[in-house]
Amino acid sequence: MGAAMVFSSHDTLEPGDLALLRTVLEEVCDEKSIPLDHPDAQQVARDLVNWYLFGIKHPVQLRTMLEPLTG
């Protein structure tokens, strides 16, 4: 799906970060009718985390970054 981005081990996610990412993941998967346990949802989750660690922190921006990937 997307290009692989690798981040160093010092990148961490706090509980609030995870809650935000989970909400975006659920919304995107619901819109696309992707079950959360499907491999496509796992890829979306990886992409979300990567974009978040890259510096995209706002839910709307995250969804925009996923659009080309989830079409």
N, C-alpha and C. Protein backbone atom coordinates (compact mmCIF):
# COMPACT_ATOMS: atom_id res chain seq x y z
N MET A 1 0.83 -1.19 0.00
CA MET A 1 0.00 0.00 0.00
C MET A 1 0.87 1.25 0.00
N GLY A 2 1.37 1.67 1.18
CA GLY A 2 2.13 2.91 1.26
C GLY A 2 3.61 2.62 1.35
N ALA A 3 4.39 3.68 1.15
CA ALA A 3 5.83 3.56 1.29
C ALA A 3 6.17 3.35 2.76
N ALA A 4 7.12 2.50 3.01
CA ALA A 4 7.50 2.22 4.39
C ALA A 4 8.30 3.38 4.96
N MET A 5 7.93 3.80 6.15
CA MET A 5 8.68 4.81 6.88
C MET A 5 9.16 4.16 8.17
N VAL A 6 10.41 4.35 8.49
CA VAL A 6 10.96 3.75 9.69
C VAL A 6 11.42 4.85 10.62
N PHE A 7 11.07 4.74 11.89
CA PHE A 7 11.44 5.74 12.87
C PHE A 7 12.29 5.10 13.95
N SER A 8 13.10 5.90 14.58
CA SER A 8 13.99 5.37 15.62
C SER A 8 13.20 4.97 16.85
N SER A 9 13.85 4.19 17.69
CA SER A 9 13.17 3.63 18.84
C SER A 9 12.80 4.66 19.90
N HIS A 10 13.32 5.90 19.80
CA HIS A 10 12.97 6.90 20.81
C HIS A 10 11.60 7.54 20.54
N ASP A 11 10.99 7.22 19.40
CA ASP A 11 9.65 7.71 19.12
C ASP A 11 8.66 6.91 19.96
N THR A 12 7.89 7.60 20.79
CA THR A 12 6.92 6.91 21.64
C THR A 12 5.55 7.53 21.48
N LEU A 13 4.55 6.74 21.80
CA LEU A 13 3.17 7.20 21.76
C LEU A 13 2.61 7.14 23.17
N GLU A 14 2.01 8.22 23.58
CA GLU A 14 1.37 8.31 24.88
C GLU A 14 -0.07 7.80 24.76
N PRO A 15 -0.74 7.51 25.88
CA PRO A 15 -2.13 7.04 25.82
C PRO A 15 -3.05 7.98 25.03
N GLY A 16 -2.88 9.27 25.18
CA GLY A 16 -3.71 10.22 24.42
C GLY A 16 -3.47 10.13 22.92
N ASP A 17 -2.20 9.89 22.55
CA ASP A 17 -1.86 9.72 21.14
C ASP A 17 -2.56 8.48 20.59
N LEU A 18 -2.49 7.40 21.37
CA LEU A 18 -3.09 6.15 20.93
C LEU A 18 -4.60 6.27 20.80
N ALA A 19 -5.23 7.00 21.71
CA ALA A 19 -6.68 7.20 21.65
C ALA A 19 -7.05 7.96 20.38
N LEU A 20 -6.29 8.99 20.06
CA LEU A 20 -6.56 9.77 18.85
C LEU A 20 -6.39 8.89 17.61
N LEU A 21 -5.30 8.14 17.57
CA LEU A 21 -5.04 7.28 16.42
C LEU A 21 -6.11 6.20 16.29
N ARG A 22 -6.55 5.65 17.41
CA ARG A 22 -7.60 4.63 17.39
C ARG A 22 -8.90 5.20 16.83
N THR A 23 -9.24 6.42 17.24
CA THR A 23 -10.46 7.06 16.74
C THR A 23 -10.39 7.26 15.24
N VAL A 24 -9.26 7.77 14.75
CA VAL A 24 -9.11 7.98 13.30
C VAL A 24 -9.17 6.65 12.57
N LEU A 25 -8.49 5.64 13.10
CA LEU A 25 -8.51 4.31 12.48
C LEU A 25 -9.93 3.77 12.38
N GLU A 26 -10.68 3.86 13.47
CA GLU A 26 -12.06 3.36 13.47
C GLU A 26 -12.91 4.12 12.46
N GLU A 27 -12.75 5.44 12.39
CA GLU A 27 -13.54 6.24 11.44
C GLU A 27 -13.21 5.87 10.00
N VAL A 28 -11.92 5.76 9.68
CA VAL A 28 -11.50 5.43 8.32
C VAL A 28 -11.98 4.04 7.94
N CYS A 29 -11.79 3.08 8.83
CA CYS A 29 -12.21 1.70 8.53
C CYS A 29 -13.73 1.60 8.41
N ASP A 30 -14.45 2.33 9.23
CA ASP A 30 -15.91 2.33 9.14
C ASP A 30 -16.36 2.89 7.79
N GLU A 31 -15.76 4.00 7.38
CA GLU A 31 -16.11 4.61 6.08
C GLU A 31 -15.84 3.66 4.93
N LYS A 32 -14.73 2.92 5.02
CA LYS A 32 -14.31 2.04 3.93
C LYS A 32 -14.83 0.62 4.09
N SER A 33 -15.63 0.37 5.13
CA SER A 33 -16.16 -0.97 5.42
C SER A 33 -15.05 -2.01 5.55
N ILE A 34 -13.99 -1.62 6.28
CA ILE A 34 -12.87 -2.53 6.53
C ILE A 34 -12.98 -2.99 7.98
N PRO A 35 -13.11 -4.29 8.22
CA PRO A 35 -13.13 -4.78 9.61
C PRO A 35 -11.79 -4.47 10.29
N LEU A 36 -11.84 -4.12 11.57
CA LEU A 36 -10.61 -3.76 12.28
C LEU A 36 -9.61 -4.89 12.38
N ASP A 37 -10.06 -6.14 12.23
CA ASP A 37 -9.13 -7.26 12.29
C ASP A 37 -8.62 -7.69 10.91
N HIS A 38 -8.96 -6.93 9.88
CA HIS A 38 -8.54 -7.23 8.51
C HIS A 38 -7.12 -6.70 8.27
N PRO A 39 -6.32 -7.39 7.45
CA PRO A 39 -4.96 -6.90 7.15
C PRO A 39 -4.94 -5.47 6.60
N ASP A 40 -5.96 -5.07 5.85
CA ASP A 40 -6.01 -3.69 5.34
C ASP A 40 -6.10 -2.69 6.49
N ALA A 41 -6.84 -3.03 7.53
CA ALA A 41 -6.95 -2.14 8.70
C ALA A 41 -5.61 -2.07 9.42
N GLN A 42 -4.90 -3.18 9.47
CA GLN A 42 -3.59 -3.18 10.10
C GLN A 42 -2.62 -2.28 9.34
N GLN A 43 -2.73 -2.29 8.01
CA GLN A 43 -1.88 -1.42 7.19
C GLN A 43 -2.24 0.05 7.41
N VAL A 44 -3.54 0.34 7.49
CA VAL A 44 -3.97 1.71 7.77
C VAL A 44 -3.44 2.15 9.13
N ALA A 45 -3.48 1.27 10.11
CA ALA A 45 -2.98 1.59 11.45
C ALA A 45 -1.48 1.90 11.40
N ARG A 46 -0.73 1.09 10.67
CA ARG A 46 0.71 1.35 10.54
C ARG A 46 0.96 2.70 9.87
N ASP A 47 0.21 2.97 8.81
CA ASP A 47 0.37 4.25 8.11
C ASP A 47 0.02 5.42 9.02
N LEU A 48 -1.05 5.26 9.80
CA LEU A 48 -1.45 6.32 10.74
C LEU A 48 -0.34 6.61 11.74
N VAL A 49 0.21 5.57 12.33
CA VAL A 49 1.29 5.75 13.31
C VAL A 49 2.49 6.42 12.65
N ASN A 50 2.84 5.97 11.46
CA ASN A 50 3.98 6.56 10.76
C ASN A 50 3.77 8.04 10.49
N TRP A 51 2.59 8.40 9.98
CA TRP A 51 2.32 9.82 9.72
C TRP A 51 2.32 10.62 11.02
N TYR A 52 1.79 10.04 12.07
CA TYR A 52 1.75 10.72 13.37
C TYR A 52 3.16 10.99 13.88
N LEU A 53 4.02 9.97 13.82
CA LEU A 53 5.40 10.13 14.26
C LEU A 53 6.18 11.07 13.35
N PHE A 54 5.76 11.17 12.11
CA PHE A 54 6.39 12.08 11.16
C PHE A 54 6.05 13.53 11.50
N GLY A 55 4.94 13.73 12.24
CA GLY A 55 4.58 15.08 12.66
C GLY A 55 3.17 15.50 12.30
N ILE A 56 2.42 14.64 11.63
CA ILE A 56 1.03 14.95 11.29
C ILE A 56 0.19 14.55 12.52
N LYS A 57 -0.29 15.54 13.27
CA LYS A 57 -0.93 15.27 14.56
C LYS A 57 -2.44 15.52 14.58
N HIS A 58 -2.95 16.26 13.62
CA HIS A 58 -4.38 16.60 13.63
C HIS A 58 -5.19 15.51 12.92
N PRO A 59 -6.30 15.08 13.51
CA PRO A 59 -7.09 13.99 12.90
C PRO A 59 -7.49 14.25 11.45
N VAL A 60 -7.88 15.47 11.12
CA VAL A 60 -8.29 15.77 9.74
C VAL A 60 -7.10 15.64 8.80
N GLN A 61 -5.95 16.11 9.24
CA GLN A 61 -4.74 15.99 8.42
C GLN A 61 -4.36 14.52 8.24
N LEU A 62 -4.48 13.75 9.30
CA LEU A 62 -4.17 12.32 9.20
C LEU A 62 -5.07 11.64 8.18
N ARG A 63 -6.35 11.94 8.26
CA ARG A 63 -7.31 11.35 7.31
C ARG A 63 -6.96 11.75 5.88
N THR A 64 -6.57 13.01 5.70
CA THR A 64 -6.18 13.50 4.37
C THR A 64 -4.96 12.73 3.86
N MET A 65 -3.99 12.47 4.72
CA MET A 65 -2.80 11.75 4.32
C MET A 65 -3.12 10.30 3.94
N LEU A 66 -4.17 9.74 4.53
CA LEU A 66 -4.56 8.36 4.24
C LEU A 66 -5.37 8.22 2.96
N GLU A 67 -5.99 9.30 2.50
CA GLU A 67 -6.89 9.20 1.34
C GLU A 67 -6.27 8.49 0.14
N PRO A 68 -5.05 8.86 -0.28
CA PRO A 68 -4.48 8.14 -1.44
C PRO A 68 -4.25 6.65 -1.16
N LEU A 69 -4.09 6.31 0.11
CA LEU A 69 -3.79 4.93 0.46
C LEU A 69 -5.05 4.07 0.60
N THR A 70 -6.15 4.69 1.00
CA THR A 70 -7.38 3.93 1.24
C THR A 70 -8.40 4.14 0.15
N GLY A 71 -8.13 5.13 -0.73
CA GLY A 71 -8.97 5.47 -1.87
C GLY A 71 -10.35 5.08 -1.71
